[in-house]
Structures are given as structure tokens and as C-alpha cells.
PDB file of N, CA and C in Angstrom:
ATOM      1  N   UNK A   1       7.760  20.651  -5.934  1.00  0.00           N
ATOM      2  CA  UNK A   1       8.135  19.317  -6.320  1.00  0.00           C
ATOM      3  C   UNK A   1       7.525  18.272  -5.381  1.00  0.00           C
ATOM      4  N   UNK A   2       7.886  18.286  -4.120  1.00  0.00           N
ATOM      5  CA  UNK A   2       7.313  17.341  -3.155  1.00  0.00           C
ATOM      6  C   UNK A   2       6.070  17.980  -2.556  1.00  0.00           C
ATOM      7  N   UNK A   3       4.919  17.365  -2.723  1.00  0.00           N
ATOM      8  CA  UNK A   3       3.666  17.981  -2.316  1.00  0.00           C
ATOM      9  C   UNK A   3       3.273  17.672  -0.884  1.00  0.00           C
ATOM     10  N   UNK A   4       3.254  16.403  -0.523  1.00  0.00           N
ATOM     11  CA  UNK A   4       2.903  16.010   0.838  1.00  0.00           C
ATOM     12  C   UNK A   4       3.339  14.577   1.049  1.00  0.00           C
ATOM     13  N   UNK A   5       3.478  14.178   2.298  1.00  0.00           N
ATOM     14  CA  UNK A   5       3.824  12.799   2.609  1.00  0.00           C
ATOM     15  C   UNK A   5       2.620  11.921   2.306  1.00  0.00           C
ATOM     16  N   UNK A   6       2.803  10.918   1.475  1.00  0.00           N
ATOM     17  CA  UNK A   6       1.713  10.048   1.040  1.00  0.00           C
ATOM     18  C   UNK A   6       1.630   8.791   1.888  1.00  0.00           C
ATOM     19  N   UNK A   7       2.801   8.187   2.183  1.00  0.00           N
ATOM     20  CA  UNK A   7       2.768   6.936   2.937  1.00  0.00           C
ATOM     21  C   UNK A   7       4.090   6.673   3.630  1.00  0.00           C
ATOM     22  N   UNK A   8       4.005   5.805   4.627  1.00  0.00           N
ATOM     23  CA  UNK A   8       5.161   5.266   5.335  1.00  0.00           C
ATOM     24  C   UNK A   8       4.997   3.755   5.270  1.00  0.00           C
ATOM     25  N   UNK A   9       6.038   3.049   4.867  1.00  0.00           N
ATOM     26  CA  UNK A   9       5.966   1.595   4.777  1.00  0.00           C
ATOM     27  C   UNK A   9       6.848   0.993   5.864  1.00  0.00           C
ATOM     28  N   UNK A  10       6.247   0.104   6.653  1.00  0.00           N
ATOM     29  CA  UNK A  10       6.967  -0.622   7.685  1.00  0.00           C
ATOM     30  C   UNK A  10       7.192  -2.054   7.202  1.00  0.00           C
ATOM     31  N   UNK A  11       8.398  -2.538   7.359  1.00  0.00           N
ATOM     32  CA  UNK A  11       8.742  -3.895   6.959  1.00  0.00           C
ATOM     33  C   UNK A  11       8.638  -4.792   8.188  1.00  0.00           C
ATOM     34  N   UNK A  12       7.747  -5.773   8.103  1.00  0.00           N
ATOM     35  CA  UNK A  12       7.410  -6.610   9.262  1.00  0.00           C
ATOM     36  C   UNK A  12       7.365  -8.078   8.851  1.00  0.00           C
ATOM     37  N   UNK A  13       7.416  -8.958   9.839  1.00  0.00           N
ATOM     38  CA  UNK A  13       7.366 -10.399   9.562  1.00  0.00           C
ATOM     39  C   UNK A  13       5.939 -10.903   9.391  1.00  0.00           C
ATOM     40  N   UNK A  14       4.961 -10.194   9.929  1.00  0.00           N
ATOM     41  CA  UNK A  14       3.558 -10.599   9.808  1.00  0.00           C
ATOM     42  C   UNK A  14       2.735  -9.372   9.440  1.00  0.00           C
ATOM     43  N   UNK A  15       2.487  -9.188   8.141  1.00  0.00           N
ATOM     44  CA  UNK A  15       1.807  -7.967   7.701  1.00  0.00           C
ATOM     45  C   UNK A  15       0.386  -7.880   8.243  1.00  0.00           C
ATOM     46  N   UNK A  16      -0.305  -9.007   8.348  1.00  0.00           N
ATOM     47  CA  UNK A  16      -1.691  -8.962   8.818  1.00  0.00           C
ATOM     48  C   UNK A  16      -1.776  -8.590  10.291  1.00  0.00           C
ATOM     49  N   UNK A  17      -0.892  -9.141  11.113  1.00  0.00           N
ATOM     50  CA  UNK A  17      -0.898  -8.803  12.543  1.00  0.00           C
ATOM     51  C   UNK A  17      -0.520  -7.341  12.753  1.00  0.00           C
ATOM     52  N   UNK A  18       0.484  -6.864  12.030  1.00  0.00           N
ATOM     53  CA  UNK A  18       0.904  -5.463  12.173  1.00  0.00           C
ATOM     54  C   UNK A  18      -0.203  -4.521  11.706  1.00  0.00           C
ATOM     55  N   UNK A  19      -0.818  -4.830  10.572  1.00  0.00           N
ATOM     56  CA  UNK A  19      -1.905  -3.983  10.061  1.00  0.00           C
ATOM     57  C   UNK A  19      -3.070  -3.961  11.039  1.00  0.00           C
ATOM     58  N   UNK A  20      -3.406  -5.117  11.609  1.00  0.00           N
ATOM     59  CA  UNK A  20      -4.518  -5.183  12.568  1.00  0.00           C
ATOM     60  C   UNK A  20      -4.213  -4.362  13.817  1.00  0.00           C
ATOM     61  N   UNK A  21      -2.979  -4.379  14.287  1.00  0.00           N
ATOM     62  CA  UNK A  21      -2.596  -3.630  15.495  1.00  0.00           C
ATOM     63  C   UNK A  21      -2.753  -2.121  15.243  1.00  0.00           C
ATOM     64  N   UNK A  22      -2.232  -1.638  14.123  1.00  0.00           N
ATOM     65  CA  UNK A  22      -2.351  -0.217  13.804  1.00  0.00           C
ATOM     66  C   UNK A  22      -3.795   0.167  13.497  1.00  0.00           C
ATOM     67  N   UNK A  23      -4.543  -0.718  12.848  1.00  0.00           N
ATOM     68  CA  UNK A  23      -5.956  -0.431  12.557  1.00  0.00           C
ATOM     69  C   UNK A  23      -6.740  -0.262  13.849  1.00  0.00           C
ATOM     70  N   UNK A  24      -6.497  -1.124  14.824  1.00  0.00           N
ATOM     71  CA  UNK A  24      -7.185  -1.012  16.115  1.00  0.00           C
ATOM     72  C   UNK A  24      -6.772   0.270  16.834  1.00  0.00           C
ATOM     73  N   UNK A  25      -5.499   0.607  16.767  1.00  0.00           N
ATOM     74  CA  UNK A  25      -5.001   1.823  17.407  1.00  0.00           C
ATOM     75  C   UNK A  25      -5.655   3.070  16.810  1.00  0.00           C
ATOM     76  N   UNK A  26      -5.806   3.087  15.489  1.00  0.00           N
ATOM     77  CA  UNK A  26      -6.344   4.263  14.791  1.00  0.00           C
ATOM     78  C   UNK A  26      -7.847   4.178  14.546  1.00  0.00           C
ATOM     79  N   UNK A  27      -8.448   3.047  14.880  1.00  0.00           N
ATOM     80  CA  UNK A  27      -9.881   2.809  14.662  1.00  0.00           C
ATOM     81  C   UNK A  27     -10.251   2.986  13.187  1.00  0.00           C
ATOM     82  N   UNK A  28      -9.504   2.298  12.339  1.00  0.00           N
ATOM     83  CA  UNK A  28      -9.735   2.309  10.892  1.00  0.00           C
ATOM     84  C   UNK A  28      -9.656   0.872  10.381  1.00  0.00           C
ATOM     85  N   UNK A  29     -10.185   0.595   9.187  1.00  0.00           N
ATOM     86  CA  UNK A  29     -10.102  -0.761   8.650  1.00  0.00           C
ATOM     87  C   UNK A  29      -8.744  -1.054   8.017  1.00  0.00           C
ATOM     88  N   UNK A  30      -8.421  -2.331   7.947  1.00  0.00           N
ATOM     89  CA  UNK A  30      -7.248  -2.796   7.208  1.00  0.00           C
ATOM     90  C   UNK A  30      -7.660  -2.949   5.750  1.00  0.00           C
ATOM     91  N   UNK A  31      -6.798  -2.497   4.865  1.00  0.00           N
ATOM     92  CA  UNK A  31      -7.021  -2.679   3.435  1.00  0.00           C
ATOM     93  C   UNK A  31      -5.830  -3.448   2.866  1.00  0.00           C
ATOM     94  N   UNK A  32      -6.031  -4.105   1.733  1.00  0.00           N
ATOM     95  CA  UNK A  32      -4.967  -4.852   1.072  1.00  0.00           C
ATOM     96  C   UNK A  32      -4.857  -4.422  -0.383  1.00  0.00           C
ATOM     97  N   UNK A  33      -3.646  -4.175  -0.816  1.00  0.00           N
ATOM     98  CA  UNK A  33      -3.409  -3.962  -2.241  1.00  0.00           C
ATOM     99  C   UNK A  33      -3.300  -5.310  -2.932  1.00  0.00           C
ATOM    100  N   UNK A  34      -2.642  -6.245  -2.230  1.00  0.00           N
ATOM    101  CA  UNK A  34      -2.473  -7.618  -2.695  1.00  0.00           C
ATOM    102  C   UNK A  34      -2.132  -8.459  -1.470  1.00  0.00           C
ATOM    103  N   UNK A  35      -1.979  -9.784  -1.595  1.00  0.00           N
ATOM    104  CA  UNK A  35      -1.724 -10.608  -0.410  1.00  0.00           C
ATOM    105  C   UNK A  35      -0.418 -10.287   0.336  1.00  0.00           C
ATOM    106  N   UNK A  36       0.490  -9.556  -0.299  1.00  0.00           N
ATOM    107  CA  UNK A  36       1.765  -9.251   0.343  1.00  0.00           C
ATOM    108  C   UNK A  36       1.898  -7.787   0.758  1.00  0.00           C
ATOM    109  N   UNK A  37       0.794  -7.034   0.741  1.00  0.00           N
ATOM    110  CA  UNK A  37       0.849  -5.626   1.151  1.00  0.00           C
ATOM    111  C   UNK A  37      -0.487  -5.216   1.737  1.00  0.00           C
ATOM    112  N   UNK A  38      -0.468  -4.938   3.042  1.00  0.00           N
ATOM    113  CA  UNK A  38      -1.648  -4.434   3.748  1.00  0.00           C
ATOM    114  C   UNK A  38      -1.364  -2.988   4.139  1.00  0.00           C
ATOM    115  N   UNK A  39      -2.435  -2.224   4.379  1.00  0.00           N
ATOM    116  CA  UNK A  39      -2.230  -0.835   4.785  1.00  0.00           C
ATOM    117  C   UNK A  39      -3.445  -0.319   5.545  1.00  0.00           C
ATOM    118  N   UNK A  40      -3.223   0.775   6.266  1.00  0.00           N
ATOM    119  CA  UNK A  40      -4.300   1.508   6.934  1.00  0.00           C
ATOM    120  C   UNK A  40      -4.163   2.970   6.549  1.00  0.00           C
ATOM    121  N   UNK A  41      -5.288   3.654   6.559  1.00  0.00           N
ATOM    122  CA  UNK A  41      -5.286   5.087   6.264  1.00  0.00           C
ATOM    123  C   UNK A  41      -5.357   5.844   7.587  1.00  0.00           C
ATOM    124  N   UNK A  42      -4.283   6.529   7.899  1.00  0.00           N
ATOM    125  CA  UNK A  42      -4.184   7.283   9.137  1.00  0.00           C
ATOM    126  C   UNK A  42      -4.854   8.644   8.967  1.00  0.00           C
ATOM    127  N   UNK A  43      -4.994   9.398  10.060  1.00  0.00           N
ATOM    128  CA  UNK A  43      -5.552  10.743   9.950  1.00  0.00           C
ATOM    129  C   UNK A  43      -4.797  11.584   8.911  1.00  0.00           C
ATOM    130  N   UNK A  44      -5.511  12.465   8.278  1.00  0.00           N
ATOM    131  CA  UNK A  44      -4.977  13.392   7.277  1.00  0.00           C
ATOM    132  C   UNK A  44      -4.507  12.675   6.014  1.00  0.00           C
ATOM    133  N   UNK A  45      -4.961  11.431   5.812  1.00  0.00           N
ATOM    134  CA  UNK A  45      -4.721  10.736   4.561  1.00  0.00           C
ATOM    135  C   UNK A  45      -3.412   9.996   4.408  1.00  0.00           C
ATOM    136  N   UNK A  46      -2.547  10.030   5.391  1.00  0.00           N
ATOM    137  CA  UNK A  46      -1.282   9.315   5.273  1.00  0.00           C
ATOM    138  C   UNK A  46      -1.549   7.813   5.378  1.00  0.00           C
ATOM    139  N   UNK A  47      -0.960   7.063   4.477  1.00  0.00           N
ATOM    140  CA  UNK A  47      -1.099   5.607   4.475  1.00  0.00           C
ATOM    141  C   UNK A  47       0.070   4.999   5.238  1.00  0.00           C
ATOM    142  N   UNK A  48      -0.238   4.040   6.107  1.00  0.00           N
ATOM    143  CA  UNK A  48       0.805   3.243   6.756  1.00  0.00           C
ATOM    144  C   UNK A  48       0.713   1.863   6.132  1.00  0.00           C
ATOM    145  N   UNK A  49       1.765   1.505   5.394  1.00  0.00           N
ATOM    146  CA  UNK A  49       1.795   0.233   4.686  1.00  0.00           C
ATOM    147  C   UNK A  49       2.630  -0.794   5.425  1.00  0.00           C
ATOM    148  N   UNK A  50       2.314  -2.056   5.181  1.00  0.00           N
ATOM    149  CA  UNK A  50       3.017  -3.168   5.825  1.00  0.00           C
ATOM    150  C   UNK A  50       3.466  -4.141   4.746  1.00  0.00           C
ATOM    151  N   UNK A  51       4.770  -4.249   4.613  1.00  0.00           N
ATOM    152  CA  UNK A  51       5.398  -5.076   3.583  1.00  0.00           C
ATOM    153  C   UNK A  51       6.190  -6.170   4.294  1.00  0.00           C
ATOM    154  N   UNK A  52       6.259  -7.368   3.728  1.00  0.00           N
ATOM    155  CA  UNK A  52       7.059  -8.411   4.367  1.00  0.00           C
ATOM    156  C   UNK A  52       8.532  -8.002   4.494  1.00  0.00           C
ATOM    157  N   UNK A  53       9.078  -8.191   5.676  1.00  0.00           N
ATOM    158  CA  UNK A  53      10.505  -7.950   5.892  1.00  0.00           C
ATOM    159  C   UNK A  53      11.292  -8.956   5.050  1.00  0.00           C
ATOM    160  N   UNK A  54      12.447  -8.511   4.547  1.00  0.00           N
ATOM    161  CA  UNK A  54      13.285  -9.399   3.755  1.00  0.00           C
ATOM    162  C   UNK A  54      14.745  -8.977   3.924  1.00  0.00           C
ATOM    163  N   UNK A  55      15.631  -9.579   3.147  1.00  0.00           N
ATOM    164  CA  UNK A  55      17.059  -9.280   3.287  1.00  0.00           C
ATOM    165  C   UNK A  55      17.376  -7.821   2.955  1.00  0.00           C
ATOM    166  N   UNK A  56      16.659  -7.232   2.011  1.00  0.00           N
ATOM    167  CA  UNK A  56      16.918  -5.841   1.647  1.00  0.00           C
ATOM    168  C   UNK A  56      16.369  -4.866   2.667  1.00  0.00           C
ATOM    169  N   UNK A  57      15.235  -5.184   3.271  1.00  0.00           N
ATOM    170  CA  UNK A  57      14.595  -4.320   4.260  1.00  0.00           C
ATOM    171  C   UNK A  57      14.131  -5.170   5.435  1.00  0.00           C
ATOM    172  N   UNK A  58      15.031  -5.406   6.398  1.00  0.00           N
ATOM    173  CA  UNK A  58      14.659  -6.259   7.521  1.00  0.00           C
ATOM    174  C   UNK A  58      13.751  -5.586   8.545  1.00  0.00           C
ATOM    175  N   UNK A  59      13.547  -4.270   8.423  1.00  0.00           N
ATOM    176  CA  UNK A  59      12.706  -3.561   9.395  1.00  0.00           C
ATOM    177  C   UNK A  59      13.423  -3.418  10.724  1.00  0.00           C
ATOM    178  N   UNK A  60      12.678  -3.089  11.734  1.00  0.00           N
ATOM    179  CA  UNK A  60      13.235  -2.994  13.070  1.00  0.00           C
ATOM    180  C   UNK A  60      13.745  -1.607  13.442  1.00  0.00           C
ATOM    181  N   UNK A  61      14.370  -1.530  14.587  1.00  0.00           N
ATOM    182  CA  UNK A  61      14.803  -0.278  15.200  1.00  0.00           C
ATOM    183  C   UNK A  61      15.722   0.564  14.313  1.00  0.00           C
ATOM    184  N   UNK A  62      16.652  -0.014  13.549  1.00  0.00           N
ATOM    185  CA  UNK A  62      17.531   0.847  12.750  1.00  0.00           C
ATOM    186  C   UNK A  62      16.838   1.572  11.597  1.00  0.00           C
ATOM    187  N   UNK A  63      15.590   1.276  11.340  1.00  0.00           N
ATOM    188  CA  UNK A  63      14.875   1.900  10.226  1.00  0.00           C
ATOM    189  C   UNK A  63      14.438   3.323  10.534  1.00  0.00           C
ATOM    190  N   UNK A  64      13.617   3.860   9.667  1.00  0.00           N
ATOM    191  CA  UNK A  64      13.074   5.207   9.813  1.00  0.00           C
ATOM    192  C   UNK A  64      11.998   5.231  10.888  1.00  0.00           C
ATOM    193  N   UNK A  65      11.907   6.327  11.629  1.00  0.00           N
ATOM    194  CA  UNK A  65      10.906   6.453  12.684  1.00  0.00           C
ATOM    195  C   UNK A  65       9.863   7.499  12.311  1.00  0.00           C
ATOM    196  N   UNK A  66       8.604   7.074  12.155  1.00  0.00           N
ATOM    197  CA  UNK A  66       7.542   8.073  11.987  1.00  0.00           C
ATOM    198  C   UNK A  66       7.166   8.645  13.356  1.00  0.00           C
ATOM    199  N   UNK A  67       7.114   9.960  13.461  1.00  0.00           N
ATOM    200  CA  UNK A  67       6.696  10.625  14.703  1.00  0.00           C
ATOM    201  C   UNK A  67       5.277  11.133  14.526  1.00  0.00           C
ATOM    202  N   UNK A  68       4.454  10.886  15.531  1.00  0.00           N
ATOM    203  CA  UNK A  68       3.058  11.313  15.531  1.00  0.00           C
ATOM    204  C   UNK A  68       2.886  12.488  16.473  1.00  0.00           C
ATOM    205  N   UNK A  69       2.292  13.546  15.996  1.00  0.00           N
ATOM    206  CA  UNK A  69       1.906  14.656  16.872  1.00  0.00           C
ATOM    207  C   UNK A  69       0.682  14.199  17.660  1.00  0.00           C
ATOM    208  N   UNK A  70       0.679  14.424  18.954  1.00  0.00           N
ATOM    209  CA  UNK A  70      -0.434  14.008  19.812  1.00  0.00           C
ATOM    210  C   UNK A  70      -0.926  15.201  20.626  1.00  0.00           C
ATOM    211  N   UNK A  71      -2.202  15.163  20.977  1.00  0.00           N
ATOM    212  CA  UNK A  71      -2.788  16.232  21.789  1.00  0.00           C
ATOM    213  C   UNK A  71      -2.538  15.999  23.275  1.00  0.00           C
ATOM    214  N   UNK A  72      -2.519  14.729  23.689  1.00  0.00           N
ATOM    215  CA  UNK A  72      -2.333  14.377  25.094  1.00  0.00           C
ATOM    216  C   UNK A  72      -1.220  13.339  25.171  1.00  0.00           C
ATOM    217  N   UNK A  73      -0.013  13.801  25.448  1.00  0.00           N
ATOM    218  CA  UNK A  73       1.172  12.949  25.461  1.00  0.00           C
ATOM    219  C   UNK A  73       1.019  11.778  26.424  1.00  0.00           C
ATOM    220  N   UNK A  74       0.623  12.057  27.653  1.00  0.00           N
ATOM    221  CA  UNK A  74       0.534  10.998  28.663  1.00  0.00           C
ATOM    222  C   UNK A  74      -0.484   9.934  28.272  1.00  0.00           C
ATOM    223  N   UNK A  75      -1.617  10.349  27.738  1.00  0.00           N
ATOM    224  CA  UNK A  75      -2.644   9.391  27.327  1.00  0.00           C
ATOM    225  C   UNK A  75      -2.161   8.554  26.148  1.00  0.00           C
ATOM    226  N   UNK A  76      -1.517   9.179  25.166  1.00  0.00           N
ATOM    227  CA  UNK A  76      -1.012   8.449  24.007  1.00  0.00           C
ATOM    228  C   UNK A  76       0.044   7.434  24.422  1.00  0.00           C
ATOM    229  N   UNK A  77       0.957   7.842  25.279  1.00  0.00           N
ATOM    230  CA  UNK A  77       2.004   6.938  25.760  1.00  0.00           C
ATOM    231  C   UNK A  77       1.385   5.768  26.514  1.00  0.00           C
ATOM    232  N   UNK A  78       0.446   6.033  27.396  1.00  0.00           N
ATOM    233  CA  UNK A  78      -0.205   4.972  28.164  1.00  0.00           C
ATOM    234  C   UNK A  78      -0.951   4.004  27.245  1.00  0.00           C
ATOM    235  N   UNK A  79      -1.634   4.522  26.241  1.00  0.00           N
ATOM    236  CA  UNK A  79      -2.375   3.669  25.309  1.00  0.00           C
ATOM    237  C   UNK A  79      -1.434   2.753  24.545  1.00  0.00           C
ATOM    238  N   UNK A  80      -0.356   3.309  24.029  1.00  0.00           N
ATOM    239  CA  UNK A  80       0.595   2.487  23.274  1.00  0.00           C
ATOM    240  C   UNK A  80       1.242   1.421  24.147  1.00  0.00           C
ATOM    241  N   UNK A  81       1.612   1.775  25.360  1.00  0.00           N
ATOM    242  CA  UNK A  81       2.199   0.790  26.268  1.00  0.00           C
ATOM    243  C   UNK A  81       1.194  -0.305  26.604  1.00  0.00           C
ATOM    244  N   UNK A  82      -0.064   0.058  26.828  1.00  0.00           N
ATOM    245  CA  UNK A  82      -1.098  -0.923  27.138  1.00  0.00           C
ATOM    246  C   UNK A  82      -1.360  -1.862  25.962  1.00  0.00           C
ATOM    247  N   UNK A  83      -1.098  -1.385  24.751  1.00  0.00           N
ATOM    248  CA  UNK A  83      -1.329  -2.199  23.554  1.00  0.00           C
ATOM    249  C   UNK A  83      -0.104  -3.013  23.143  1.00  0.00           C
ATOM    250  N   UNK A  84       0.935  -2.999  23.968  1.00  0.00           N
ATOM    251  CA  UNK A  84       2.080  -3.867  23.712  1.00  0.00           C
ATOM    252  C   UNK A  84       3.324  -3.205  23.169  1.00  0.00           C
ATOM    253  N   UNK A  85       3.305  -1.891  22.954  1.00  0.00           N
ATOM    254  CA  UNK A  85       4.530  -1.190  22.561  1.00  0.00           C
ATOM    255  C   UNK A  85       5.436  -1.089  23.791  1.00  0.00           C
ATOM    256  N   UNK A  86       6.726  -0.953  23.557  1.00  0.00           N
ATOM    257  CA  UNK A  86       7.669  -0.796  24.662  1.00  0.00           C
ATOM    258  C   UNK A  86       8.425   0.523  24.495  1.00  0.00           C
ATOM    259  N   UNK A  87       8.759   1.123  25.604  1.00  0.00           N
ATOM    260  CA  UNK A  87       9.487   2.387  25.589  1.00  0.00           C
ATOM    261  C   UNK A  87      10.938   2.119  25.211  1.00  0.00           C
ATOM    262  N   UNK A  88      11.445   2.879  24.255  1.00  0.00           N
ATOM    263  CA  UNK A  88      12.829   2.716  23.788  1.00  0.00           C
ATOM    264  C   UNK A  88      13.709   3.887  24.221  1.00  0.00           C
ATOM    265  N   UNK A  89      13.199   5.108  24.114  1.00  0.00           N
ATOM    266  CA  UNK A  89      13.910   6.322  24.548  1.00  0.00           C
ATOM    267  C   UNK A  89      12.897   7.292  25.127  1.00  0.00           C
ATOM    268  N   UNK A  90      13.322   7.999  26.144  1.00  0.00           N
ATOM    269  CA  UNK A  90      12.449   9.009  26.729  1.00  0.00           C
ATOM    270  C   UNK A  90      11.570   8.416  27.798  1.00  0.00           C
ATOM    271  N   UNK A  91      10.530   9.145  28.146  1.00  0.00           N
ATOM    272  CA  UNK A  91      10.123  10.428  27.599  1.00  0.00           C
ATOM    273  C   UNK A  91      11.136  11.529  27.921  1.00  0.00           C
ATOM    274  N   UNK A  92      11.121  12.530  27.082  1.00  0.00           N
ATOM    275  CA  UNK A  92      12.021  13.646  27.261  1.00  0.00           C
ATOM    276  C   UNK A  92      11.402  14.920  26.731  1.00  0.00           C
ATOM    277  N   UNK A  93      12.181  15.985  26.815  1.00  0.00           N
ATOM    278  CA  UNK A  93      11.750  17.291  26.317  1.00  0.00           C
ATOM    279  C   UNK A  93      12.838  17.802  25.385  1.00  0.00           C
ATOM    280  N   UNK A  94      12.437  18.212  24.180  1.00  0.00           N
ATOM    281  CA  UNK A  94      13.403  18.728  23.213  1.00  0.00           C
ATOM    282  C   UNK A  94      13.828  20.142  23.590  1.00  0.00           C
ATOM    283  N   UNK A  95      14.835  20.635  22.894  1.00  0.00           N
ATOM    284  CA  UNK A  95      15.277  22.015  23.116  1.00  0.00           C
ATOM    285  C   UNK A  95      14.196  23.030  22.759  1.00  0.00           C
ATOM    286  N   UNK A  96      13.232  22.628  21.928  1.00  0.00           N
ATOM    287  CA  UNK A  96      12.113  23.501  21.585  1.00  0.00           C
ATOM    288  C   UNK A  96      10.965  23.379  22.584  1.00  0.00           C
ATOM    289  N   UNK A  97      11.110  22.495  23.583  1.00  0.00           N
ATOM    290  CA  UNK A  97      10.090  22.342  24.602  1.00  0.00           C
ATOM    291  C   UNK A  97       9.025  21.302  24.301  1.00  0.00           C
ATOM    292  N   UNK A  98       9.180  20.547  23.228  1.00  0.00           N
ATOM    293  CA  UNK A  98       8.218  19.486  22.903  1.00  0.00           C
ATOM    294  C   UNK A  98       8.473  18.258  23.763  1.00  0.00           C
ATOM    295  N   UNK A  99       7.404  17.590  24.135  1.00  0.00           N
ATOM    296  CA  UNK A  99       7.525  16.310  24.833  1.00  0.00           C
ATOM    297  C   UNK A  99       7.635  15.216  23.784  1.00  0.00           C
ATOM    298  N   UNK A 100       8.602  14.320  23.942  1.00  0.00           N
ATOM    299  CA  UNK A 100       8.842  13.268  22.959  1.00  0.00           C
ATOM    300  C   UNK A 100       9.121  11.939  23.642  1.00  0.00           C
ATOM    301  N   UNK A 101       8.858  10.874  22.905  1.00  0.00           N
ATOM    302  CA  UNK A 101       9.227   9.525  23.329  1.00  0.00           C
ATOM    303  C   UNK A 101       9.369   8.667  22.083  1.00  0.00           C
ATOM    304  N   UNK A 102      10.214   7.685  22.165  1.00  0.00           N
ATOM    305  CA  UNK A 102      10.415   6.732  21.095  1.00  0.00           C
ATOM    306  C   UNK A 102      10.038   5.355  21.632  1.00  0.00           C
ATOM    307  N   UNK A 103       9.124   4.687  20.934  1.00  0.00           N
ATOM    308  CA  UNK A 103       8.667   3.369  21.350  1.00  0.00           C
ATOM    309  C   UNK A 103       8.977   2.357  20.261  1.00  0.00           C
ATOM    310  N   UNK A 104       8.883   1.090  20.611  1.00  0.00           N
ATOM    311  CA  UNK A 104       8.988   0.003  19.646  1.00  0.00           C
ATOM    312  C   UNK A 104       7.637  -0.691  19.631  1.00  0.00           C
ATOM    313  N   UNK A 105       7.044  -0.786  18.442  1.00  0.00           N
ATOM    314  CA  UNK A 105       5.749  -1.455  18.335  1.00  0.00           C
ATOM    315  C   UNK A 105       5.941  -2.967  18.508  1.00  0.00           C
ATOM    316  N   UNK A 106       4.878  -3.748  18.655  1.00  0.00           N
ATOM    317  CA  UNK A 106       5.031  -5.191  18.868  1.00  0.00           C
ATOM    318  C   UNK A 106       5.683  -5.933  17.698  1.00  0.00           C
ATOM    319  N   UNK A 107       5.966  -5.241  16.598  1.00  0.00           N
ATOM    320  CA  UNK A 107       6.521  -5.867  15.408  1.00  0.00           C
ATOM    321  C   UNK A 107       7.959  -5.445  15.157  1.00  0.00           C
ATOM    322  N   UNK A 108       8.535  -4.719  16.133  1.00  0.00           N
ATOM    323  CA  UNK A 108       9.947  -4.371  16.088  1.00  0.00           C
ATOM    324  C   UNK A 108      10.292  -3.056  15.433  1.00  0.00           C
ATOM    325  N   UNK A 109       9.292  -2.277  14.999  1.00  0.00           N
ATOM    326  CA  UNK A 109       9.552  -0.984  14.363  1.00  0.00           C
ATOM    327  C   UNK A 109       9.391   0.151  15.362  1.00  0.00           C
ATOM    328  N   UNK A 110      10.117   1.234  15.132  1.00  0.00           N
ATOM    329  CA  UNK A 110      10.021   2.373  16.033  1.00  0.00           C
ATOM    330  C   UNK A 110       8.821   3.246  15.681  1.00  0.00           C
ATOM    331  N   UNK A 111       8.335   3.921  16.704  1.00  0.00           N
ATOM    332  CA  UNK A 111       7.166   4.778  16.623  1.00  0.00           C
ATOM    333  C   UNK A 111       7.411   5.930  17.580  1.00  0.00           C
ATOM    334  N   UNK A 112       7.394   7.154  17.056  1.00  0.00           N
ATOM    335  CA  UNK A 112       7.665   8.307  17.890  1.00  0.00           C
ATOM    336  C   UNK A 112       6.409   9.084  18.259  1.00  0.00           C
ATOM    337  N   UNK A 113       6.442   9.676  19.443  1.00  0.00           N
ATOM    338  CA  UNK A 113       5.377  10.575  19.882  1.00  0.00           C
ATOM    339  C   UNK A 113       5.970  11.962  20.072  1.00  0.00           C
ATOM    340  N   UNK A 114       5.210  12.963  19.700  1.00  0.00           N
ATOM    341  CA  UNK A 114       5.621  14.360  19.845  1.00  0.00           C
ATOM    342  C   UNK A 114       4.407  15.180  20.269  1.00  0.00           C
ATOM    343  N   UNK A 115       4.570  15.955  21.330  1.00  0.00           N
ATOM    344  CA  UNK A 115       3.559  16.935  21.698  1.00  0.00           C
ATOM    345  C   UNK A 115       4.266  18.276  21.753  1.00  0.00           C
ATOM    346  N   UNK A 116       3.998  19.096  20.744  1.00  0.00           N
ATOM    347  CA  UNK A 116       4.658  20.393  20.649  1.00  0.00           C
ATOM    348  C   UNK A 116       4.324  21.263  21.844  1.00  0.00           C
ATOM    349  N   UNK A 117       5.293  22.097  22.225  1.00  0.00           N
ATOM    350  CA  UNK A 117       5.054  23.065  23.295  1.00  0.00           C
ATOM    351  C   UNK A 117       3.994  24.036  22.823  1.00  0.00           C
ATOM    352  N   UNK A 118       3.018  24.263  23.642  1.00  0.00           N
ATOM    353  CA  UNK A 118       1.912  25.140  23.246  1.00  0.00           C
ATOM    354  C   UNK A 118       1.932  26.403  24.041  1.00  0.00           C
TER     355      UNK A 118
END
């Protein structure tokens, strides 16, 4: 029934600024479906969409958190912090031995890092 994750939509106050920040982070172009929806194509085909925040979906920390698997936890964390993200939880180690951290991007949404125990 469910084949694969197709997209994650973040609700933000400035879709162009948020899309540009993620595009620079992932080194991909910003695309637009229409003037009120921008998106980037992340590795493995997952789309990260940016929709205007509103009363139904204000965005921010209480929303869903996408976690990214990373090869080098320390480098990924340093890059995100240098680009304006702030640390919200962690870094820590899960019961399975993975290194994790929860950050807040410059637009108020959460972003997780995960480096599985190898």
C-alpha cells in the first residue's frame, strides 16, 4: 500500500527564504509548483516542500520532525549550526547506539540528525 516517502512539507512564514536555505544546504536548485509552494529535491528523491504557515498549520517546533541519516555526525551538526540552525535537544545516543540531535532551522521547524551505530 505505502510505497515510499514522497515528500515532507514544512509550513513557514517565508517560503522563498526557507527553500533557498535548504537548497544551499543540499546543493540543489529551488523549484516552484506555484507562487505559494516552493520545494527542493533531496537525496534519494524525497521532496522538501515549503508552504505558507497559516492558522491550520502554523509550523514550528510542535510539528513533525524529519530525521536525516548522516555519515559524519559532527560535521553535519557543525554545518547546520554554522548555517543558522540552533540546537534544541542533544546531542545524545539512543538505546540502539545511534548518535542523534534535534535542531531548529532558521524558520522555526525542527530538523533531526541520526548517525546509526556502525
